C-alpha atoms as a PDB file:
ATOM      1  CA  MET A   1     -31.482  -3.625  14.124  1.00  0.00           C
ATOM      2  CA  ALA A   2     -32.395  -5.181  10.783  1.00  0.00           C
ATOM      3  CA  GLN A   3     -32.108  -8.899  10.224  1.00  0.00           C
ATOM      4  CA  ILE A   4     -28.596  -9.578   8.939  1.00  0.00           C
ATOM      5  CA  GLY A   5     -27.594 -12.294   6.490  1.00  0.00           C
ATOM      6  CA  TRP A   6     -24.165 -13.623   5.581  1.00  0.00           C
ATOM      7  CA  PHE A   7     -22.928 -15.653   2.610  1.00  0.00           C
ATOM      8  CA  GLY A   8     -19.381 -17.010   2.367  1.00  0.00           C
ATOM      9  CA  LEU A   9     -17.607 -19.027   5.043  1.00  0.00           C
ATOM     10  CA  GLY A  10     -14.053 -19.406   3.855  1.00  0.00           C
ATOM     11  CA  SER A  11     -11.237 -18.796   6.327  1.00  0.00           C
ATOM     12  CA  MET A  12     -11.917 -15.043   6.287  1.00  0.00           C
ATOM     13  CA  GLY A  13     -15.697 -15.148   6.020  1.00  0.00           C
ATOM     14  CA  LEU A  14     -16.167 -17.576   8.886  1.00  0.00           C
ATOM     15  CA  ALA A  15     -14.013 -15.492  11.222  1.00  0.00           C
ATOM     16  CA  MET A  16     -15.802 -12.275  10.252  1.00  0.00           C
ATOM     17  CA  ALA A  17     -19.281 -13.777  10.498  1.00  0.00           C
ATOM     18  CA  SER A  18     -18.460 -15.261  13.898  1.00  0.00           C
ATOM     19  CA  ASN A  19     -17.466 -11.844  15.235  1.00  0.00           C
ATOM     20  CA  LEU A  20     -20.622 -10.325  13.794  1.00  0.00           C
ATOM     21  CA  GLN A  21     -22.782 -13.040  15.361  1.00  0.00           C
ATOM     22  CA  ARG A  22     -21.154 -12.447  18.758  1.00  0.00           C
ATOM     23  CA  HIS A  23     -21.947  -8.749  18.352  1.00  0.00           C
ATOM     24  CA  VAL A  24     -25.642  -9.194  17.543  1.00  0.00           C
ATOM     25  CA  ALA A  25     -25.973 -11.730  20.356  1.00  0.00           C
ATOM     26  CA  ALA A  26     -24.436  -9.262  22.811  1.00  0.00           C
ATOM     27  CA  LYS A  27     -26.881  -6.619  21.591  1.00  0.00           C
ATOM     28  CA  LYS A  28     -29.741  -9.126  21.991  1.00  0.00           C
ATOM     29  CA  ALA A  29     -30.581  -8.514  18.330  1.00  0.00           C
ATOM     30  CA  LEU A  30     -31.735 -11.078  15.777  1.00  0.00           C
ATOM     31  CA  ASN A  31     -29.233 -13.874  15.200  1.00  0.00           C
ATOM     32  CA  LEU A  32     -27.301 -13.910  11.948  1.00  0.00           C
ATOM     33  CA  ILE A  33     -28.740 -16.003   9.114  1.00  0.00           C
ATOM     34  CA  TYR A  34     -25.943 -17.606   7.125  1.00  0.00           C
ATOM     35  CA  SER A  35     -25.449 -19.563   3.935  1.00  0.00           C
ATOM     36  CA  ASN A  36     -22.527 -21.135   2.142  1.00  0.00           C
ATOM     37  CA  ARG A  37     -21.853 -23.493  -0.720  1.00  0.00           C
ATOM     38  CA  THR A  38     -20.714 -26.085   1.849  1.00  0.00           C
ATOM     39  CA  MET A  39     -23.130 -25.651   4.722  1.00  0.00           C
ATOM     40  CA  SER A  40     -21.086 -27.781   7.131  1.00  0.00           C
ATOM     41  CA  ARG A  41     -18.555 -24.943   7.235  1.00  0.00           C
ATOM     42  CA  GLY A  42     -21.057 -23.063   9.383  1.00  0.00           C
ATOM     43  CA  GLU A  43     -21.267 -25.536  12.280  1.00  0.00           C
ATOM     44  CA  SER A  44     -19.161 -23.384  14.594  1.00  0.00           C
ATOM     45  CA  LEU A  45     -21.200 -20.332  13.602  1.00  0.00           C
ATOM     46  CA  GLN A  46     -24.419 -22.197  14.364  1.00  0.00           C
ATOM     47  CA  ALA A  47     -22.993 -23.072  17.781  1.00  0.00           C
ATOM     48  CA  LEU A  48     -22.725 -19.316  18.435  1.00  0.00           C
ATOM     49  CA  GLY A  49     -26.410 -18.866  17.567  1.00  0.00           C
ATOM     50  CA  GLY A  50     -26.247 -18.378  13.796  1.00  0.00           C
ATOM     51  CA  ILE A  51     -29.176 -19.703  11.777  1.00  0.00           C
ATOM     52  CA  PRO A  52     -28.412 -21.832   8.683  1.00  0.00           C
ATOM     53  CA  GLU A  53     -30.233 -21.220   5.394  1.00  0.00           C
ATOM     54  CA  ALA A  54     -29.148 -23.318   2.422  1.00  0.00           C
ATOM     55  CA  SER A  55     -30.777 -21.065  -0.193  1.00  0.00           C
ATOM     56  CA  PHE A  56     -29.178 -17.690  -0.823  1.00  0.00           C
ATOM     57  CA  ALA A  57     -32.400 -16.415  -2.388  1.00  0.00           C
ATOM     58  CA  ASN A  58     -34.305 -17.350   0.769  1.00  0.00           C
ATOM     59  CA  LEU A  59     -31.637 -15.735   2.916  1.00  0.00           C
ATOM     60  CA  VAL A  60     -32.033 -12.504   0.955  1.00  0.00           C
ATOM     61  CA  SER A  61     -35.819 -12.604   1.331  1.00  0.00           C
ATOM     62  CA  ARG A  62     -35.450 -12.890   5.111  1.00  0.00           C
ATOM     63  CA  CYS A  63     -32.823 -10.176   5.619  1.00  0.00           C
ATOM     64  CA  GLY A  64     -32.539  -6.413   5.313  1.00  0.00           C
ATOM     65  CA  ILE A  65     -28.718  -6.343   5.237  1.00  0.00           C
ATOM     66  CA  ILE A  66     -26.807  -9.049   3.368  1.00  0.00           C
ATOM     67  CA  PHE A  67     -23.025  -9.437   3.681  1.00  0.00           C
ATOM     68  CA  THR A  68     -21.034 -11.481   1.170  1.00  0.00           C
ATOM     69  CA  MET A  69     -17.430 -12.656   1.408  1.00  0.00           C
ATOM     70  CA  ILE A  70     -16.699 -14.741  -1.659  1.00  0.00           C
ATOM     71  CA  SER A  71     -13.800 -15.882  -3.814  1.00  0.00           C
ATOM     72  CA  ASN A  72     -14.191 -14.032  -7.103  1.00  0.00           C
ATOM     73  CA  ASP A  73     -16.242 -11.803  -9.357  1.00  0.00           C
ATOM     74  CA  SER A  74     -18.206 -14.599 -11.017  1.00  0.00           C
ATOM     75  CA  VAL A  75     -19.534 -15.852  -7.665  1.00  0.00           C
ATOM     76  CA  LEU A  76     -20.752 -12.377  -6.745  1.00  0.00           C
ATOM     77  CA  LYS A  77     -22.447 -11.961 -10.126  1.00  0.00           C
ATOM     78  CA  SER A  78     -24.132 -15.347  -9.754  1.00  0.00           C
ATOM     79  CA  LEU A  79     -25.390 -14.567  -6.246  1.00  0.00           C
ATOM     80  CA  LEU A  80     -26.861 -11.216  -7.214  1.00  0.00           C
ATOM     81  CA  SER A  81     -28.512 -12.681 -10.293  1.00  0.00           C
ATOM     82  CA  SER A  82     -30.073 -15.436  -8.190  1.00  0.00           C
ATOM     83  CA  ALA A  83     -31.436 -12.824  -5.787  1.00  0.00           C
ATOM     84  CA  VAL A  84     -32.901 -10.738  -8.611  1.00  0.00           C
ATOM     85  CA  GLU A  85     -34.359 -13.747 -10.431  1.00  0.00           C
ATOM     86  CA  SER A  86     -35.912 -15.210  -7.271  1.00  0.00           C
ATOM     87  CA  GLY A  87     -38.946 -12.977  -7.577  1.00  0.00           C
ATOM     88  CA  HIS A  88     -38.582 -11.749  -3.985  1.00  0.00           C
ATOM     89  CA  SER A  89     -38.694  -7.993  -3.509  1.00  0.00           C
ATOM     90  CA  LEU A  90     -35.271  -6.451  -2.960  1.00  0.00           C
ATOM     91  CA  LYS A  91     -36.574  -2.976  -2.204  1.00  0.00           C
ATOM     92  CA  ASP A  92     -34.609  -1.133   0.504  1.00  0.00           C
ATOM     93  CA  LYS A  93     -32.222  -4.064   1.077  1.00  0.00           C
ATOM     94  CA  ILE A  94     -28.516  -3.322   1.516  1.00  0.00           C
ATOM     95  CA  PHE A  95     -25.958  -5.697   0.003  1.00  0.00           C
ATOM     96  CA  VAL A  96     -22.456  -5.379   1.462  1.00  0.00           C
ATOM     97  CA  ASP A  97     -19.667  -7.179  -0.359  1.00  0.00           C
ATOM     98  CA  CYS A  98     -16.394  -7.598   1.552  1.00  0.00           C
ATOM     99  CA  SER A  99     -14.560  -9.410  -1.245  1.00  0.00           C
ATOM    100  CA  THR A 100     -11.904  -8.211  -3.672  1.00  0.00           C
ATOM    101  CA  VAL A 101     -13.618  -7.732  -7.022  1.00  0.00           C
ATOM    102  CA  HIS A 102     -12.959  -5.563 -10.064  1.00  0.00           C
ATOM    103  CA  PRO A 103     -14.422  -2.032  -9.996  1.00  0.00           C
ATOM    104  CA  ALA A 104     -16.345  -2.891 -13.174  1.00  0.00           C
ATOM    105  CA  THR A 105     -18.039  -5.726 -11.281  1.00  0.00           C
ATOM    106  CA  VAL A 106     -18.927  -3.300  -8.497  1.00  0.00           C
ATOM    107  CA  SER A 107     -20.337  -0.802 -10.997  1.00  0.00           C
ATOM    108  CA  ALA A 108     -22.514  -3.497 -12.592  1.00  0.00           C
ATOM    109  CA  ALA A 109     -23.746  -4.640  -9.172  1.00  0.00           C
ATOM    110  CA  VAL A 110     -24.675  -1.089  -8.201  1.00  0.00           C
ATOM    111  CA  ALA A 111     -26.721  -0.665 -11.376  1.00  0.00           C
ATOM    112  CA  GLN A 112     -28.344  -4.100 -11.150  1.00  0.00           C
ATOM    113  CA  LEU A 113     -29.514  -3.595  -7.575  1.00  0.00           C
ATOM    114  CA  LYS A 114     -30.559   0.015  -8.080  1.00  0.00           C
ATOM    115  CA  GLU A 115     -33.081  -1.212 -10.637  1.00  0.00           C
ATOM    116  CA  GLN A 116     -34.571  -3.355  -7.865  1.00  0.00           C
ATOM    117  CA  GLY A 117     -34.685  -0.540  -5.321  1.00  0.00           C
ATOM    118  CA  ALA A 118     -31.740  -2.033  -3.396  1.00  0.00           C
ATOM    119  CA  THR A 119     -28.336  -0.617  -2.500  1.00  0.00           C
ATOM    120  CA  PHE A 120     -24.840  -2.045  -3.012  1.00  0.00           C
ATOM    121  CA  VAL A 121     -21.972  -1.205  -0.656  1.00  0.00           C
ATOM    122  CA  SER A 122     -18.415  -2.244  -1.473  1.00  0.00           C
ATOM    123  CA  ALA A 123     -16.470  -2.966   1.733  1.00  0.00           C
ATOM    124  CA  PRO A 124     -13.321  -4.990   0.938  1.00  0.00           C
ATOM    125  CA  VAL A 125     -10.970  -5.851   3.784  1.00  0.00           C
ATOM    126  CA  PHE A 126      -7.248  -5.678   4.476  1.00  0.00           C
ATOM    127  CA  GLY A 127      -5.690  -8.350   6.672  1.00  0.00           C
ATOM    128  CA  GLY A 128      -5.407 -12.118   6.838  1.00  0.00           C
ATOM    129  CA  ASN A 129      -7.239 -14.785   8.799  1.00  0.00           C
ATOM    130  CA  PRO A 130      -5.457 -14.242  12.152  1.00  0.00           C
ATOM    131  CA  ILE A 131      -6.419 -10.560  12.016  1.00  0.00           C
ATOM    132  CA  ALA A 132      -9.977 -11.440  10.998  1.00  0.00           C
ATOM    133  CA  VAL A 133     -10.272 -13.747  14.010  1.00  0.00           C
ATOM    134  CA  THR A 134      -9.341 -10.901  16.360  1.00  0.00           C
ATOM    135  CA  GLY A 135     -11.724  -8.459  14.655  1.00  0.00           C
ATOM    136  CA  LYS A 136      -8.889  -6.091  13.703  1.00  0.00           C
ATOM    137  CA  LEU A 137      -9.320  -5.926   9.927  1.00  0.00           C
ATOM    138  CA  VAL A 138      -9.219  -2.632   8.028  1.00  0.00           C
ATOM    139  CA  PHE A 139     -12.234  -2.012   5.776  1.00  0.00           C
ATOM    140  CA  ALA A 140     -12.486   0.297   2.777  1.00  0.00           C
ATOM    141  CA  ILE A 141     -16.133   1.260   2.330  1.00  0.00           C
ATOM    142  CA  GLY A 142     -17.885   2.956  -0.544  1.00  0.00           C
ATOM    143  CA  GLY A 143     -21.530   3.503  -1.406  1.00  0.00           C
ATOM    144  CA  PRO A 144     -24.512   5.760  -0.664  1.00  0.00           C
ATOM    145  CA  LYS A 145     -24.016   7.604   2.616  1.00  0.00           C
ATOM    146  CA  SER A 146     -27.261   6.387   4.157  1.00  0.00           C
ATOM    147  CA  ALA A 147     -26.255   2.770   3.536  1.00  0.00           C
ATOM    148  CA  THR A 148     -22.652   3.094   4.688  1.00  0.00           C
ATOM    149  CA  GLU A 149     -23.812   4.857   7.877  1.00  0.00           C
ATOM    150  CA  THR A 150     -26.205   1.969   8.501  1.00  0.00           C
ATOM    151  CA  VAL A 151     -23.620  -0.785   8.133  1.00  0.00           C
ATOM    152  CA  THR A 152     -20.529   0.895   9.626  1.00  0.00           C
ATOM    153  CA  PRO A 153     -21.620   0.123  13.232  1.00  0.00           C
ATOM    154  CA  LEU A 154     -21.745  -3.560  12.238  1.00  0.00           C
ATOM    155  CA  ILE A 155     -18.135  -3.342  11.035  1.00  0.00           C
ATOM    156  CA  GLU A 156     -16.139  -0.947  13.194  1.00  0.00           C
ATOM    157  CA  ASP A 157     -15.045  -2.458  16.525  1.00  0.00           C
ATOM    158  CA  VAL A 158     -16.907  -5.625  15.506  1.00  0.00           C
ATOM    159  CA  MET A 159     -15.081  -7.091  12.512  1.00  0.00           C
ATOM    160  CA  GLY A 160     -12.565  -4.315  11.962  1.00  0.00           C
ATOM    161  CA  ARG A 161     -10.438  -1.815  13.835  1.00  0.00           C
ATOM    162  CA  ARG A 162     -10.765   0.878  11.176  1.00  0.00           C
ATOM    163  CA  VAL A 163     -13.105   1.846   8.358  1.00  0.00           C
ATOM    164  CA  ILE A 164     -11.665   3.968   5.543  1.00  0.00           C
ATOM    165  CA  GLN A 165     -14.484   5.988   3.983  1.00  0.00           C
ATOM    166  CA  CYS A 166     -14.156   6.145   0.184  1.00  0.00           C
ATOM    167  CA  GLY A 167     -17.236   8.216  -0.617  1.00  0.00           C
ATOM    168  CA  GLU A 168     -20.476   7.470  -2.399  1.00  0.00           C
ATOM    169  CA  ASP A 169     -18.864   5.897  -5.465  1.00  0.00           C
ATOM    170  CA  ALA A 170     -18.637   2.223  -4.479  1.00  0.00           C
ATOM    171  CA  THR A 171     -15.984   1.529  -7.120  1.00  0.00           C
ATOM    172  CA  LYS A 172     -13.470   3.661  -5.215  1.00  0.00           C
ATOM    173  CA  SER A 173     -13.246   1.228  -2.284  1.00  0.00           C
ATOM    174  CA  SER A 174     -12.713  -1.632  -4.737  1.00  0.00           C
ATOM    175  CA  LEU A 175      -9.972   0.370  -6.418  1.00  0.00           C
ATOM    176  CA  LEU A 176      -8.300   1.069  -3.072  1.00  0.00           C
ATOM    177  CA  LYS A 177      -8.351  -2.638  -2.228  1.00  0.00           C
ATOM    178  CA  ILE A 178      -6.732  -3.567  -5.527  1.00  0.00           C
ATOM    179  CA  ALA A 179      -4.072  -0.889  -5.023  1.00  0.00           C
ATOM    180  CA  GLY A 180      -3.461  -2.161  -1.500  1.00  0.00           C
ATOM    181  CA  ASN A 181      -2.959  -5.677  -2.795  1.00  0.00           C
ATOM    182  CA  ILE A 182      -0.109  -4.425  -4.970  1.00  0.00           C
ATOM    183  CA  VAL A 183       1.662  -3.610  -1.712  1.00  0.00           C
ATOM    184  CA  THR A 184       0.664  -6.912  -0.090  1.00  0.00           C
ATOM    185  CA  VAL A 185       1.844  -9.189  -2.880  1.00  0.00           C
ATOM    186  CA  THR A 186       5.053  -7.325  -3.655  1.00  0.00           C
ATOM    187  CA  MET A 187       5.875  -7.225   0.063  1.00  0.00           C
ATOM    188  CA  LEU A 188       5.450 -11.006   0.219  1.00  0.00           C
ATOM    189  CA  GLU A 189       7.876 -11.263  -2.684  1.00  0.00           C
ATOM    190  CA  GLY A 190      10.383  -8.964  -1.000  1.00  0.00           C
ATOM    191  CA  VAL A 191      10.225 -10.761   2.356  1.00  0.00           C
ATOM    192  CA  GLY A 192      10.622 -14.096   0.564  1.00  0.00           C
ATOM    193  CA  GLU A 193      13.697 -12.873  -1.299  1.00  0.00           C
ATOM    194  CA  ALA A 194      15.256 -11.576   1.931  1.00  0.00           C
ATOM    195  CA  GLN A 195      14.648 -14.854   3.763  1.00  0.00           C
ATOM    196  CA  VAL A 196      16.128 -16.957   0.965  1.00  0.00           C
ATOM    197  CA  PHE A 197      19.135 -14.633   0.924  1.00  0.00           C
ATOM    198  CA  ALA A 198      19.504 -15.024   4.697  1.00  0.00           C
ATOM    199  CA  GLU A 199      19.358 -18.814   4.495  1.00  0.00           C
ATOM    200  CA  LYS A 200      21.762 -19.166   1.579  1.00  0.00           C
ATOM    201  CA  THR A 201      24.373 -16.788   3.013  1.00  0.00           C
ATOM    202  CA  GLY A 202      24.359 -18.484   6.400  1.00  0.00           C
ATOM    203  CA  LEU A 203      22.853 -15.518   8.215  1.00  0.00           C
ATOM    204  CA  GLY A 204      19.823 -17.613   9.166  1.00  0.00           C
ATOM    205  CA  THR A 205      16.095 -16.981   8.996  1.00  0.00           C
ATOM    206  CA  GLY A 206      15.759 -16.253  12.727  1.00  0.00           C
ATOM    207  CA  PRO A 207      17.780 -13.019  12.853  1.00  0.00           C
ATOM    208  CA  MET A 208      16.296 -11.973   9.524  1.00  0.00           C
ATOM    209  CA  GLU A 209      12.769 -12.450  10.855  1.00  0.00           C
ATOM    210  CA  GLU A 210      13.544 -10.488  13.998  1.00  0.00           C
ATOM    211  CA  LEU A 211      14.883  -7.609  11.909  1.00  0.00           C
ATOM    212  CA  ILE A 212      11.902  -7.642   9.541  1.00  0.00           C
ATOM    213  CA  GLY A 213       9.447  -7.429  12.435  1.00  0.00           C
ATOM    214  CA  GLU A 214      11.347  -4.751  14.345  1.00  0.00           C
ATOM    215  CA  ALA A 215      12.422  -2.561  11.432  1.00  0.00           C
ATOM    216  CA  PHE A 216       9.504  -2.921   9.041  1.00  0.00           C
ATOM    217  CA  GLY A 217       6.571  -3.538  11.347  1.00  0.00           C
ATOM    218  CA  ALA A 218       4.166  -6.222  12.452  1.00  0.00           C
ATOM    219  CA  VAL A 219       2.683  -6.785   8.996  1.00  0.00           C
ATOM    220  CA  ALA A 220       6.043  -7.540   7.397  1.00  0.00           C
ATOM    221  CA  GLY A 221       6.965  -9.643  10.418  1.00  0.00           C
ATOM    222  CA  GLY A 222       3.751 -11.615  10.014  1.00  0.00           C
ATOM    223  CA  TYR A 223       4.563 -12.231   6.369  1.00  0.00           C
ATOM    224  CA  SER A 224       7.949 -13.598   7.386  1.00  0.00           C
ATOM    225  CA  LYS A 225       6.288 -15.970   9.843  1.00  0.00           C
ATOM    226  CA  ARG A 226       4.139 -17.351   7.001  1.00  0.00           C
ATOM    227  CA  LEU A 227       7.392 -18.511   5.420  1.00  0.00           C
ATOM    228  CA  THR A 228       9.347 -19.765   8.397  1.00  0.00           C
ATOM    229  CA  SER A 229       6.321 -21.525   9.907  1.00  0.00           C
ATOM    230  CA  GLY A 230       5.667 -23.402   6.667  1.00  0.00           C
ATOM    231  CA  ALA A 231       2.259 -21.727   6.248  1.00  0.00           C
ATOM    232  CA  TYR A 232       3.197 -20.822   2.675  1.00  0.00           C
ATOM    233  CA  ALA A 233       2.558 -24.518   1.854  1.00  0.00           C
ATOM    234  CA  PRO A 234       0.118 -25.785   4.515  1.00  0.00           C
ATOM    235  CA  PRO A 235      -1.343 -29.314   4.812  1.00  0.00           C
ATOM    236  CA  THR A 236      -3.716 -30.118   1.978  1.00  0.00           C
ATOM    237  CA  ASP A 237      -6.644 -30.565   4.378  1.00  0.00           C
ATOM    238  CA  SER A 238      -6.353 -26.945   5.558  1.00  0.00           C
ATOM    239  CA  ILE A 239      -7.461 -23.608   4.114  1.00  0.00           C
ATOM    240  CA  PRO A 240      -4.604 -21.170   3.372  1.00  0.00           C
ATOM    241  CA  GLY A 241      -4.850 -17.717   4.918  1.00  0.00           C
ATOM    242  CA  PHE A 242      -4.694 -15.961   1.514  1.00  0.00           C
ATOM    243  CA  GLY A 243      -5.066 -18.608  -1.149  1.00  0.00           C
ATOM    244  CA  VAL A 244      -2.631 -18.426  -4.044  1.00  0.00           C
ATOM    245  CA  SER A 245      -5.374 -18.441  -6.690  1.00  0.00           C
ATOM    246  CA  LEU A 246      -7.120 -15.545  -4.966  1.00  0.00           C
ATOM    247  CA  ALA A 247      -3.849 -13.622  -4.866  1.00  0.00           C
ATOM    248  CA  ILE A 248      -3.234 -14.315  -8.556  1.00  0.00           C
ATOM    249  CA  LYS A 249      -6.777 -13.151  -9.342  1.00  0.00           C
ATOM    250  CA  ASP A 250      -6.191  -9.922  -7.407  1.00  0.00           C
ATOM    251  CA  ALA A 251      -2.843  -9.391  -9.143  1.00  0.00           C
ATOM    252  CA  ASN A 252      -4.501  -9.917 -12.522  1.00  0.00           C
ATOM    253  CA  HIS A 253      -7.069  -7.235 -11.699  1.00  0.00           C
ATOM    254  CA  ALA A 254      -4.320  -4.762 -10.773  1.00  0.00           C
ATOM    255  CA  ILE A 255      -2.136  -5.554 -13.780  1.00  0.00           C
ATOM    256  CA  SER A 256      -5.065  -5.286 -16.192  1.00  0.00           C
ATOM    257  CA  MET A 257      -6.141  -1.931 -14.790  1.00  0.00           C
ATOM    258  CA  ALA A 258      -2.558  -0.674 -14.713  1.00  0.00           C
ATOM    259  CA  LYS A 259      -2.141  -1.561 -18.388  1.00  0.00           C
ATOM    260  CA  ASP A 260      -5.310   0.361 -19.258  1.00  0.00           C
ATOM    261  CA  SER A 261      -3.937   3.378 -17.382  1.00  0.00           C
ATOM    262  CA  GLY A 262      -0.419   3.220 -18.825  1.00  0.00           C
ATOM    263  CA  VAL A 263       1.172   2.145 -15.529  1.00  0.00           C
ATOM    264  CA  GLU A 264       3.894  -0.498 -15.180  1.00  0.00           C
ATOM    265  CA  LEU A 265       3.936  -2.865 -12.192  1.00  0.00           C
ATOM    266  CA  PRO A 266       7.173  -4.843 -12.645  1.00  0.00           C
ATOM    267  CA  GLY A 267       7.325  -6.024  -9.035  1.00  0.00           C
ATOM    268  CA  LEU A 268       3.782  -7.332  -9.134  1.00  0.00           C
ATOM    269  CA  ASP A 269       4.430  -8.971 -12.517  1.00  0.00           C
ATOM    270  CA  LEU A 270       7.356 -10.887 -11.005  1.00  0.00           C
ATOM    271  CA  ALA A 271       5.410 -11.901  -7.906  1.00  0.00           C
ATOM    272  CA  ARG A 272       2.471 -13.104 -10.009  1.00  0.00           C
ATOM    273  CA  ALA A 273       4.766 -15.210 -12.196  1.00  0.00           C
ATOM    274  CA  ASN A 274       6.333 -16.808  -9.122  1.00  0.00           C
ATOM    275  CA  MET A 275       2.911 -17.554  -7.613  1.00  0.00           C
ATOM    276  CA  GLU A 276       1.781 -19.149 -10.881  1.00  0.00           C
ATOM    277  CA  THR A 277       4.921 -21.297 -10.928  1.00  0.00           C
ATOM    278  CA  ALA A 278       4.318 -22.332  -7.300  1.00  0.00           C
ATOM    279  CA  ARG A 279       0.735 -23.322  -8.087  1.00  0.00           C
ATOM    280  CA  SER A 280       1.834 -25.363 -11.095  1.00  0.00           C
ATOM    281  CA  TYR A 281       4.404 -27.152  -8.953  1.00  0.00           C
ATOM    282  CA  ALA A 282       2.484 -27.756  -5.706  1.00  0.00           C
ATOM    283  CA  GLY A 283      -1.225 -27.349  -6.451  1.00  0.00           C
ATOM    284  CA  GLU A 284      -4.009 -25.110  -5.187  1.00  0.00           C
ATOM    285  CA  CYS A 285      -3.506 -25.558  -1.440  1.00  0.00           C
ATOM    286  CA  LEU A 286      -0.919 -22.810  -1.130  1.00  0.00           C
ATOM    287  CA  ASP A 287      -0.787 -19.389   0.474  1.00  0.00           C
ATOM    288  CA  ALA A 288      -0.038 -16.273  -1.564  1.00  0.00           C
ATOM    289  CA  SER A 289       3.403 -16.350   0.062  1.00  0.00           C
ATOM    290  CA  SER A 290       4.164 -19.583  -1.812  1.00  0.00           C
ATOM    291  CA  MET A 291       6.373 -17.615  -4.184  1.00  0.00           C
ATOM    292  CA  TYR A 292       8.872 -18.293  -1.371  1.00  0.00           C
ATOM    293  CA  GLY A 293       9.050 -21.930  -2.465  1.00  0.00           C
ATOM    294  CA  VAL A 294       9.886 -20.880  -6.011  1.00  0.00           C
ATOM    295  CA  LEU A 295      12.510 -18.428  -4.776  1.00  0.00           C
ATOM    296  CA  ARG A 296      14.019 -21.288  -2.763  1.00  0.00           C
ATOM    297  CA  GLN A 297      14.132 -23.487  -5.867  1.00  0.00           C
ATOM    298  CA  LYS A 298      15.787 -20.755  -7.920  1.00  0.00           C
ATOM    299  CA  SER A 299      18.515 -20.595  -5.269  1.00  0.00           C
ATOM    300  CA  GLY A 300      19.127 -24.343  -5.218  1.00  0.00           C
ATOM    301  CA  LEU A 301      16.980 -25.176  -2.184  1.00  0.00           C
ATOM    302  CA  GLU A 302      13.955 -27.455  -1.979  1.00  0.00           C
ATOM    303  CA  PHE A 303      10.559 -25.848  -2.559  1.00  0.00           C
ATOM    304  CA  TRP A 304       9.557 -27.091   0.896  1.00  0.00           C
ATOM    305  CA  ASN A 305      11.152 -25.893   4.116  1.00  0.00           C
ATOM    306  CA  GLU A 306      11.256 -28.114   7.204  1.00  0.00           C
ATOM    307  CA  LYS A 307       7.892 -26.896   8.523  1.00  0.00           C
ATOM    308  CA  SER A 308       5.883 -26.946   5.300  1.00  0.00           C
ATOM    309  CA  ARG A 309       3.632 -29.872   4.446  1.00  0.00           C
ATOM    310  CA  ARG A 310       6.311 -31.840   2.583  1.00  0.00           C
ATOM    311  CA  GLY A 311       9.136 -30.873   4.913  1.00  0.00           C
ATOM    312  CA  ASN A 312       7.881 -32.142   8.249  1.00  0.00           C
END
């Protein structure tokens, strides 16, 4: 097994990297080499056997397969440029990005690395932090067959329960992720509207949550729990499961691409506007489901419920 590197230890990245490190340790393979902007985030990963490396360029030079899980397109571009400009050979290395980035960013990364004799695989994920912790994420994977066949055993039944193969065009997996996020964000909006309706009419959030979980599945039920548990507005010293700015970024990608294709996304437009209002009101430390707070305000309730950071 090739030496594996990992960059990006946010709430998702840390959970994913930890599962991958447990896997390589069980296989008695080389321990994961990891890096992050804030290296202290990796202490728990180091305790599992992971090896810290502060320099991403050095990490790349030491590894044959490099996973990234980062916040936005500009970070990915910066990382790849630093690897190319380091002077280290990138020949035959496989870069696997698990983030949500624009297909144009993926296309540029493919071309940039191909010039260096390296391969880029796009492998964005579906699921939040609790699912990442259990290793049950769904991955969409696109890129050259030889590369995807090499990395799939490091993903399936390790970090994810399912890998959706999107073919050799890496942009297709990015496109699928963006399309999937239309469902995610508009579902958060719909669950939030239903829960505000239930509270204002006197039905109560408990019966509503039970119905959502039983009738519409575990994913919708989990979204409801983000609201009722107060996780939509967590303590400011915590990391939200799906940060509001990341969700807005993903929505912007979808809306921009939809406009170029002559498609209207009115539900996503509304959800994005509510997330932007929530962020303006309560700051960055919010989950994507924080549109719930805005929906509460529009109905005459406080932004905060009793279990959110300002309600308890």
